[in-house]
Amino acid sequence: MKHSSFRIRISNTSLQWLFNWTSTLTAKDGKALAVVAKILDILNTRSYISVRLVKVTRRKCGTHEIMQLNVQILLEGNDMDSAFTEGDNSKVVPTDTCKNTVYCVANQHEFSSIEEFGLILGKHFVTTYPSIVNKVNIVIKKDTWERVVVPDSRGKNAPHKHTFKRIGPQMPFTEVSVGGNRGTVTTVSVKSGFKSLDIMKTTQSGFVGFPRCRFTSLPEATDRLLGTSADCEWVYNSQQVLRGSVNFNKVLAPMFPRIAYSFG
């Protein structure tokens, strides 16, 4: 199930009526059953949060590494509907716990990519709440920072050890889903990419030969400026991800120049 942006508000009385009515349906009532299934899917989805996180790793040599992330988490389970129908929160992981988990897990683990962090978080929730959570959906967006280049003690330009500047607006992201059964991770899926890579060409771009009618006023141009914003995404092989044989940063690194080069 995909998390939707709309909100539903159903009273406990209405839900109880829904469950009673569902018991009277048969296989012939396909459309009605599909609607009920969609509602139950929504009821079995809880603990949706968005957390801002900055992780600074301080090396002994004085060099700092920085990672600034926006982490969204959506937990799913089979038996969360009782929280709506009976006010039973025994199978609901509080959003405050999810928020604290993001900070604590980030502090306790070393990771070099947003995909690694997403997998660590997903496995944590599946194994920590084996009787509650059977799927974790995580979206992580990363702000890009690079080191400021300044003169060193010998007057030569070099990357500063702990001063950074933001690069944008392009933003890498990943969507990680981790499925589990009784505390054991059974499935993973990872989709990554980036959004809003702004590209401009100042020559060798034209627009000619387009259809014209009496309402067309645009003249043909054999050479003009071209500006665009590119989004790109790719999906990793789930078996390779499970085996831990994917270097996520190595895959991402050439993507920006490859996309820009395609406009050359």
Protein backbone atom coordinates (compact mmCIF):
# COMPACT_ATOMS: atom_id res chain seq x y z
CA MET A 1 0.00 0.00 0.00
CA LYS A 2 1.22 3.49 -0.79
CA HIS A 3 0.78 6.20 1.81
CA SER A 4 -1.75 8.73 0.58
CA SER A 5 -1.82 12.43 1.37
CA PHE A 6 -5.54 12.52 2.11
CA ARG A 7 -7.00 12.13 5.59
CA ILE A 8 -9.87 9.93 6.72
CA ARG A 9 -11.98 10.44 9.81
CA ILE A 10 -14.19 7.50 10.77
CA SER A 11 -15.83 7.02 14.15
CA ASN A 12 -15.49 3.75 16.07
CA THR A 13 -19.23 3.16 15.62
CA SER A 14 -18.88 3.50 11.86
CA LEU A 15 -15.94 1.09 11.85
CA GLN A 16 -17.86 -1.48 13.83
CA TRP A 17 -20.74 -1.19 11.35
CA LEU A 18 -18.22 -1.59 8.52
CA PHE A 19 -16.85 -4.81 10.00
CA ASN A 20 -20.35 -6.20 10.59
CA TRP A 21 -21.42 -5.32 7.06
CA THR A 22 -18.26 -6.85 5.59
CA SER A 23 -19.16 -10.20 7.14
CA THR A 24 -22.32 -10.28 4.98
CA LEU A 25 -20.45 -9.80 1.68
CA THR A 26 -19.70 -12.61 -0.74
CA ALA A 27 -17.28 -13.09 -3.60
CA LYS A 28 -19.86 -11.52 -5.93
CA ASP A 29 -19.43 -8.20 -4.12
CA GLY A 30 -15.97 -7.62 -5.61
CA LYS A 31 -16.01 -3.83 -5.76
CA ALA A 32 -17.32 -3.47 -2.21
CA LEU A 33 -14.69 -5.89 -0.91
CA ALA A 34 -11.98 -3.92 -2.71
CA VAL A 35 -13.08 -0.70 -0.98
CA VAL A 36 -13.11 -2.41 2.41
CA ALA A 37 -9.65 -3.85 1.77
CA LYS A 38 -8.34 -0.35 0.96
CA ILE A 39 -9.78 1.05 4.20
CA LEU A 40 -8.26 -1.80 6.23
CA ASP A 41 -4.90 -1.16 4.58
CA ILE A 42 -5.08 2.45 5.74
CA LEU A 43 -6.05 1.39 9.25
CA ASN A 44 -3.05 -0.96 9.39
CA THR A 45 -0.65 1.86 8.61
CA ARG A 46 0.54 3.95 11.54
CA SER A 47 3.52 5.92 12.89
CA TYR A 48 4.22 8.23 9.97
CA ILE A 49 6.87 10.81 10.88
CA SER A 50 9.36 13.17 9.27
CA VAL A 51 12.65 13.87 11.07
CA ARG A 52 15.47 16.31 10.29
CA LEU A 53 18.90 14.93 11.13
CA VAL A 54 22.49 16.20 10.96
CA LYS A 55 25.24 13.66 11.64
CA VAL A 56 28.79 14.93 12.12
CA THR A 57 31.63 12.41 12.22
CA ARG A 58 34.83 13.79 13.76
CA ARG A 59 38.00 12.03 12.66
CA LYS A 60 41.12 11.90 14.85
CA CYS A 61 43.01 13.86 12.19
CA GLY A 62 40.68 16.83 12.71
CA THR A 63 38.65 16.24 9.55
CA HIS A 64 34.87 16.28 9.92
CA GLU A 65 32.29 14.50 7.73
CA ILE A 66 28.75 15.86 7.58
CA MET A 67 25.47 14.31 6.49
CA GLN A 68 22.18 16.28 6.63
CA LEU A 69 19.04 14.22 6.06
CA ASN A 70 15.27 14.38 6.07
CA VAL A 71 13.94 10.97 7.14
CA GLN A 72 10.32 9.87 6.70
CA ILE A 73 9.12 6.60 8.23
CA LEU A 74 5.85 4.72 7.71
CA LEU A 75 5.25 1.52 9.69
CA GLU A 76 2.79 -1.17 8.60
CA GLY A 77 1.29 -4.17 10.41
CA ASN A 78 -1.53 -6.65 10.14
CA ASP A 79 -3.37 -5.90 13.38
CA MET A 80 -3.24 -2.14 13.86
CA ASP A 81 -6.95 -1.63 13.19
CA SER A 82 -7.78 -2.26 16.87
CA ALA A 83 -6.28 1.14 17.66
CA PHE A 84 -9.11 2.69 15.64
CA THR A 85 -11.95 0.34 16.55
CA GLU A 86 -11.23 -0.32 20.24
CA GLY A 87 -8.75 2.34 21.31
CA ASP A 88 -6.14 -0.38 21.85
CA ASN A 89 -2.67 1.12 21.38
CA SER A 90 -0.73 -2.01 22.33
CA LYS A 91 0.21 -2.52 18.68
CA VAL A 92 1.04 1.07 17.81
CA VAL A 93 4.64 2.31 17.91
CA PRO A 94 4.50 5.97 19.09
CA THR A 95 5.78 8.54 16.61
CA ASP A 96 7.93 9.96 19.41
CA THR A 97 9.65 6.57 19.67
CA CYS A 98 10.20 6.56 15.90
CA LYS A 99 11.74 10.04 16.07
CA ASN A 100 14.09 9.10 18.91
CA THR A 101 15.00 5.89 17.08
CA VAL A 102 16.20 7.86 14.06
CA TYR A 103 18.54 9.93 16.23
CA CYS A 104 19.81 7.04 18.34
CA VAL A 105 20.36 4.63 15.44
CA ALA A 106 22.22 7.35 13.52
CA ASN A 107 24.43 7.94 16.54
CA GLN A 108 25.15 4.25 17.17
CA HIS A 109 25.93 3.16 13.61
CA GLU A 110 28.47 4.14 10.98
CA PHE A 111 27.10 4.46 7.46
CA SER A 112 28.36 6.15 4.33
CA SER A 113 25.16 6.35 2.28
CA ILE A 114 21.49 7.15 2.78
CA GLU A 115 20.59 3.68 1.48
CA GLU A 116 22.66 2.03 4.21
CA PHE A 117 20.98 4.15 6.86
CA GLY A 118 17.53 3.33 5.49
CA LEU A 119 18.27 -0.40 5.62
CA ILE A 120 19.62 -0.14 9.17
CA LEU A 121 16.46 1.69 10.29
CA GLY A 122 14.13 -0.75 8.52
CA LYS A 123 15.81 -3.81 10.03
CA HIS A 124 15.69 -2.19 13.46
CA PHE A 125 11.92 -1.72 13.45
CA VAL A 126 11.22 -5.19 12.00
CA THR A 127 13.41 -6.94 14.59
CA THR A 128 12.49 -4.73 17.57
CA TYR A 129 8.71 -5.06 17.06
CA PRO A 130 8.30 -8.56 15.55
CA SER A 131 4.66 -8.95 16.61
CA ILE A 132 3.64 -5.46 15.45
CA VAL A 133 5.57 -4.37 12.36
CA ASN A 134 5.76 -6.43 9.18
CA LYS A 135 6.88 -3.68 6.81
CA VAL A 136 8.78 -0.42 7.09
CA ASN A 137 8.73 2.22 4.34
CA ILE A 138 11.47 4.84 4.58
CA VAL A 139 12.16 7.88 2.41
CA ILE A 140 15.43 9.75 2.95
CA LYS A 141 16.39 13.01 1.24
CA LYS A 142 19.92 14.31 1.51
CA ASP A 143 21.15 17.91 1.48
CA THR A 144 24.46 18.07 -0.37
CA TRP A 145 27.41 19.83 1.27
CA GLU A 146 30.99 20.09 -0.02
CA ARG A 147 34.13 21.37 1.60
CA VAL A 148 35.16 25.00 1.15
CA VAL A 149 38.53 25.30 -0.59
CA VAL A 150 40.84 27.74 1.21
CA PRO A 151 44.62 28.40 1.38
CA ASP A 152 46.37 26.12 3.86
CA SER A 153 49.33 27.02 6.12
CA ARG A 154 51.65 26.87 3.10
CA GLY A 155 49.44 29.07 0.95
CA LYS A 156 48.18 26.25 -1.25
CA ASN A 157 44.46 25.83 -1.85
CA ALA A 158 43.06 22.77 -0.08
CA PRO A 159 39.66 21.54 1.15
CA HIS A 160 38.91 22.83 4.65
CA LYS A 161 38.62 20.15 7.32
CA HIS A 162 35.41 21.39 8.90
CA THR A 163 33.88 24.20 6.79
CA PHE A 164 31.28 23.36 4.15
CA LYS A 165 29.03 25.02 1.59
CA ARG A 166 25.68 23.76 0.37
CA ILE A 167 25.33 22.50 -3.20
CA GLY A 168 21.93 22.61 -4.81
CA PRO A 169 19.16 22.55 -5.62
CA GLN A 170 19.79 18.91 -6.67
CA MET A 171 18.96 16.50 -3.86
CA PRO A 172 19.73 12.76 -3.71
CA PHE A 173 16.99 10.56 -2.26
CA THR A 174 16.23 6.93 -1.55
CA GLU A 175 13.07 4.93 -0.90
CA VAL A 176 13.74 1.84 1.20
CA SER A 177 11.19 -0.84 2.10
CA VAL A 178 12.02 -3.64 4.52
CA GLY A 179 9.57 -6.50 5.05
CA GLY A 180 9.66 -8.93 7.94
CA ASN A 181 8.01 -12.00 9.39
CA ARG A 182 8.16 -12.54 13.16
CA GLY A 183 11.29 -10.43 13.51
CA THR A 184 13.17 -11.83 10.52
CA VAL A 185 13.88 -9.64 7.50
CA THR A 186 12.37 -11.36 4.46
CA THR A 187 12.33 -8.71 1.72
CA VAL A 188 14.04 -5.45 0.87
CA SER A 189 13.62 -2.99 -1.97
CA VAL A 190 15.69 0.10 -2.64
CA LYS A 191 14.97 2.82 -5.19
CA SER A 192 17.32 5.80 -5.35
CA GLY A 193 17.88 8.86 -7.46
CA PHE A 194 18.02 12.62 -7.34
CA LYS A 195 15.68 15.51 -8.03
CA SER A 196 16.11 19.04 -9.40
CA LEU A 197 19.45 18.85 -11.19
CA ASP A 198 19.42 22.23 -12.97
CA ILE A 199 21.22 22.24 -16.34
CA MET A 200 21.85 25.09 -18.78
CA LYS A 201 23.33 25.23 -22.29
CA THR A 202 24.26 28.60 -23.77
CA THR A 203 24.58 27.44 -27.40
CA GLN A 204 24.03 24.51 -29.81
CA SER A 205 20.34 24.28 -28.95
CA GLY A 206 17.62 25.18 -31.42
CA PHE A 207 13.87 24.93 -31.85
CA VAL A 208 12.73 24.71 -35.46
CA GLY A 209 10.30 22.72 -37.58
CA PHE A 210 7.43 22.83 -35.07
CA PRO A 211 3.79 22.92 -36.23
CA ARG A 212 2.42 26.39 -36.91
CA CYS A 213 -1.10 27.80 -37.16
CA ARG A 214 -2.67 31.23 -37.19
CA PHE A 215 -2.20 31.49 -33.42
CA THR A 216 1.56 30.78 -33.51
CA SER A 217 3.78 33.82 -32.93
CA LEU A 218 6.99 32.09 -31.79
CA PRO A 219 9.80 32.47 -34.37
CA GLU A 220 12.13 29.60 -35.15
CA ALA A 221 15.54 29.75 -33.48
CA THR A 222 18.58 27.80 -34.63
CA ASP A 223 20.63 28.78 -31.57
CA ARG A 224 19.32 29.70 -28.15
CA LEU A 225 19.68 29.13 -24.42
CA LEU A 226 18.41 25.83 -23.06
CA GLY A 227 17.55 25.36 -19.41
CA THR A 228 15.97 22.35 -17.73
CA SER A 229 15.69 20.54 -14.43
CA ALA A 230 16.34 16.80 -14.45
CA ASP A 231 15.04 14.10 -12.11
CA CYS A 232 16.55 10.63 -12.22
CA GLU A 233 15.85 7.37 -10.38
CA TRP A 234 16.96 3.75 -10.50
CA VAL A 235 16.10 0.49 -8.70
CA TYR A 236 18.66 -1.83 -7.11
CA ASN A 237 18.63 -5.61 -7.34
CA SER A 238 16.98 -6.80 -4.10
CA GLN A 239 19.10 -9.95 -3.81
CA GLN A 240 22.32 -7.97 -4.12
CA VAL A 241 21.06 -5.54 -1.47
CA LEU A 242 20.25 -8.43 0.89
CA ARG A 243 23.75 -9.84 0.39
CA GLY A 244 25.26 -6.43 1.12
CA SER A 245 27.16 -6.40 -2.16
CA VAL A 246 26.06 -2.96 -3.41
CA ASN A 247 28.27 0.13 -3.15
CA PHE A 248 25.55 2.78 -3.22
CA ASN A 249 27.89 5.78 -3.31
CA LYS A 250 29.82 4.29 -6.23
CA VAL A 251 26.57 4.04 -8.19
CA LEU A 252 25.51 7.62 -7.39
CA ALA A 253 28.84 9.38 -8.00
CA PRO A 254 28.86 9.29 -11.84
CA MET A 255 25.15 9.95 -12.26
CA PHE A 256 25.29 13.78 -12.06
CA PRO A 257 28.00 14.19 -14.75
CA ARG A 258 26.43 11.51 -16.96
CA ILE A 259 23.07 13.27 -17.01
CA ALA A 260 24.69 16.66 -17.58
CA TYR A 261 26.94 15.22 -20.32
CA SER A 262 23.90 13.91 -22.20
CA PHE A 263 22.95 17.56 -22.86
CA GLY A 264 26.43 18.37 -24.21
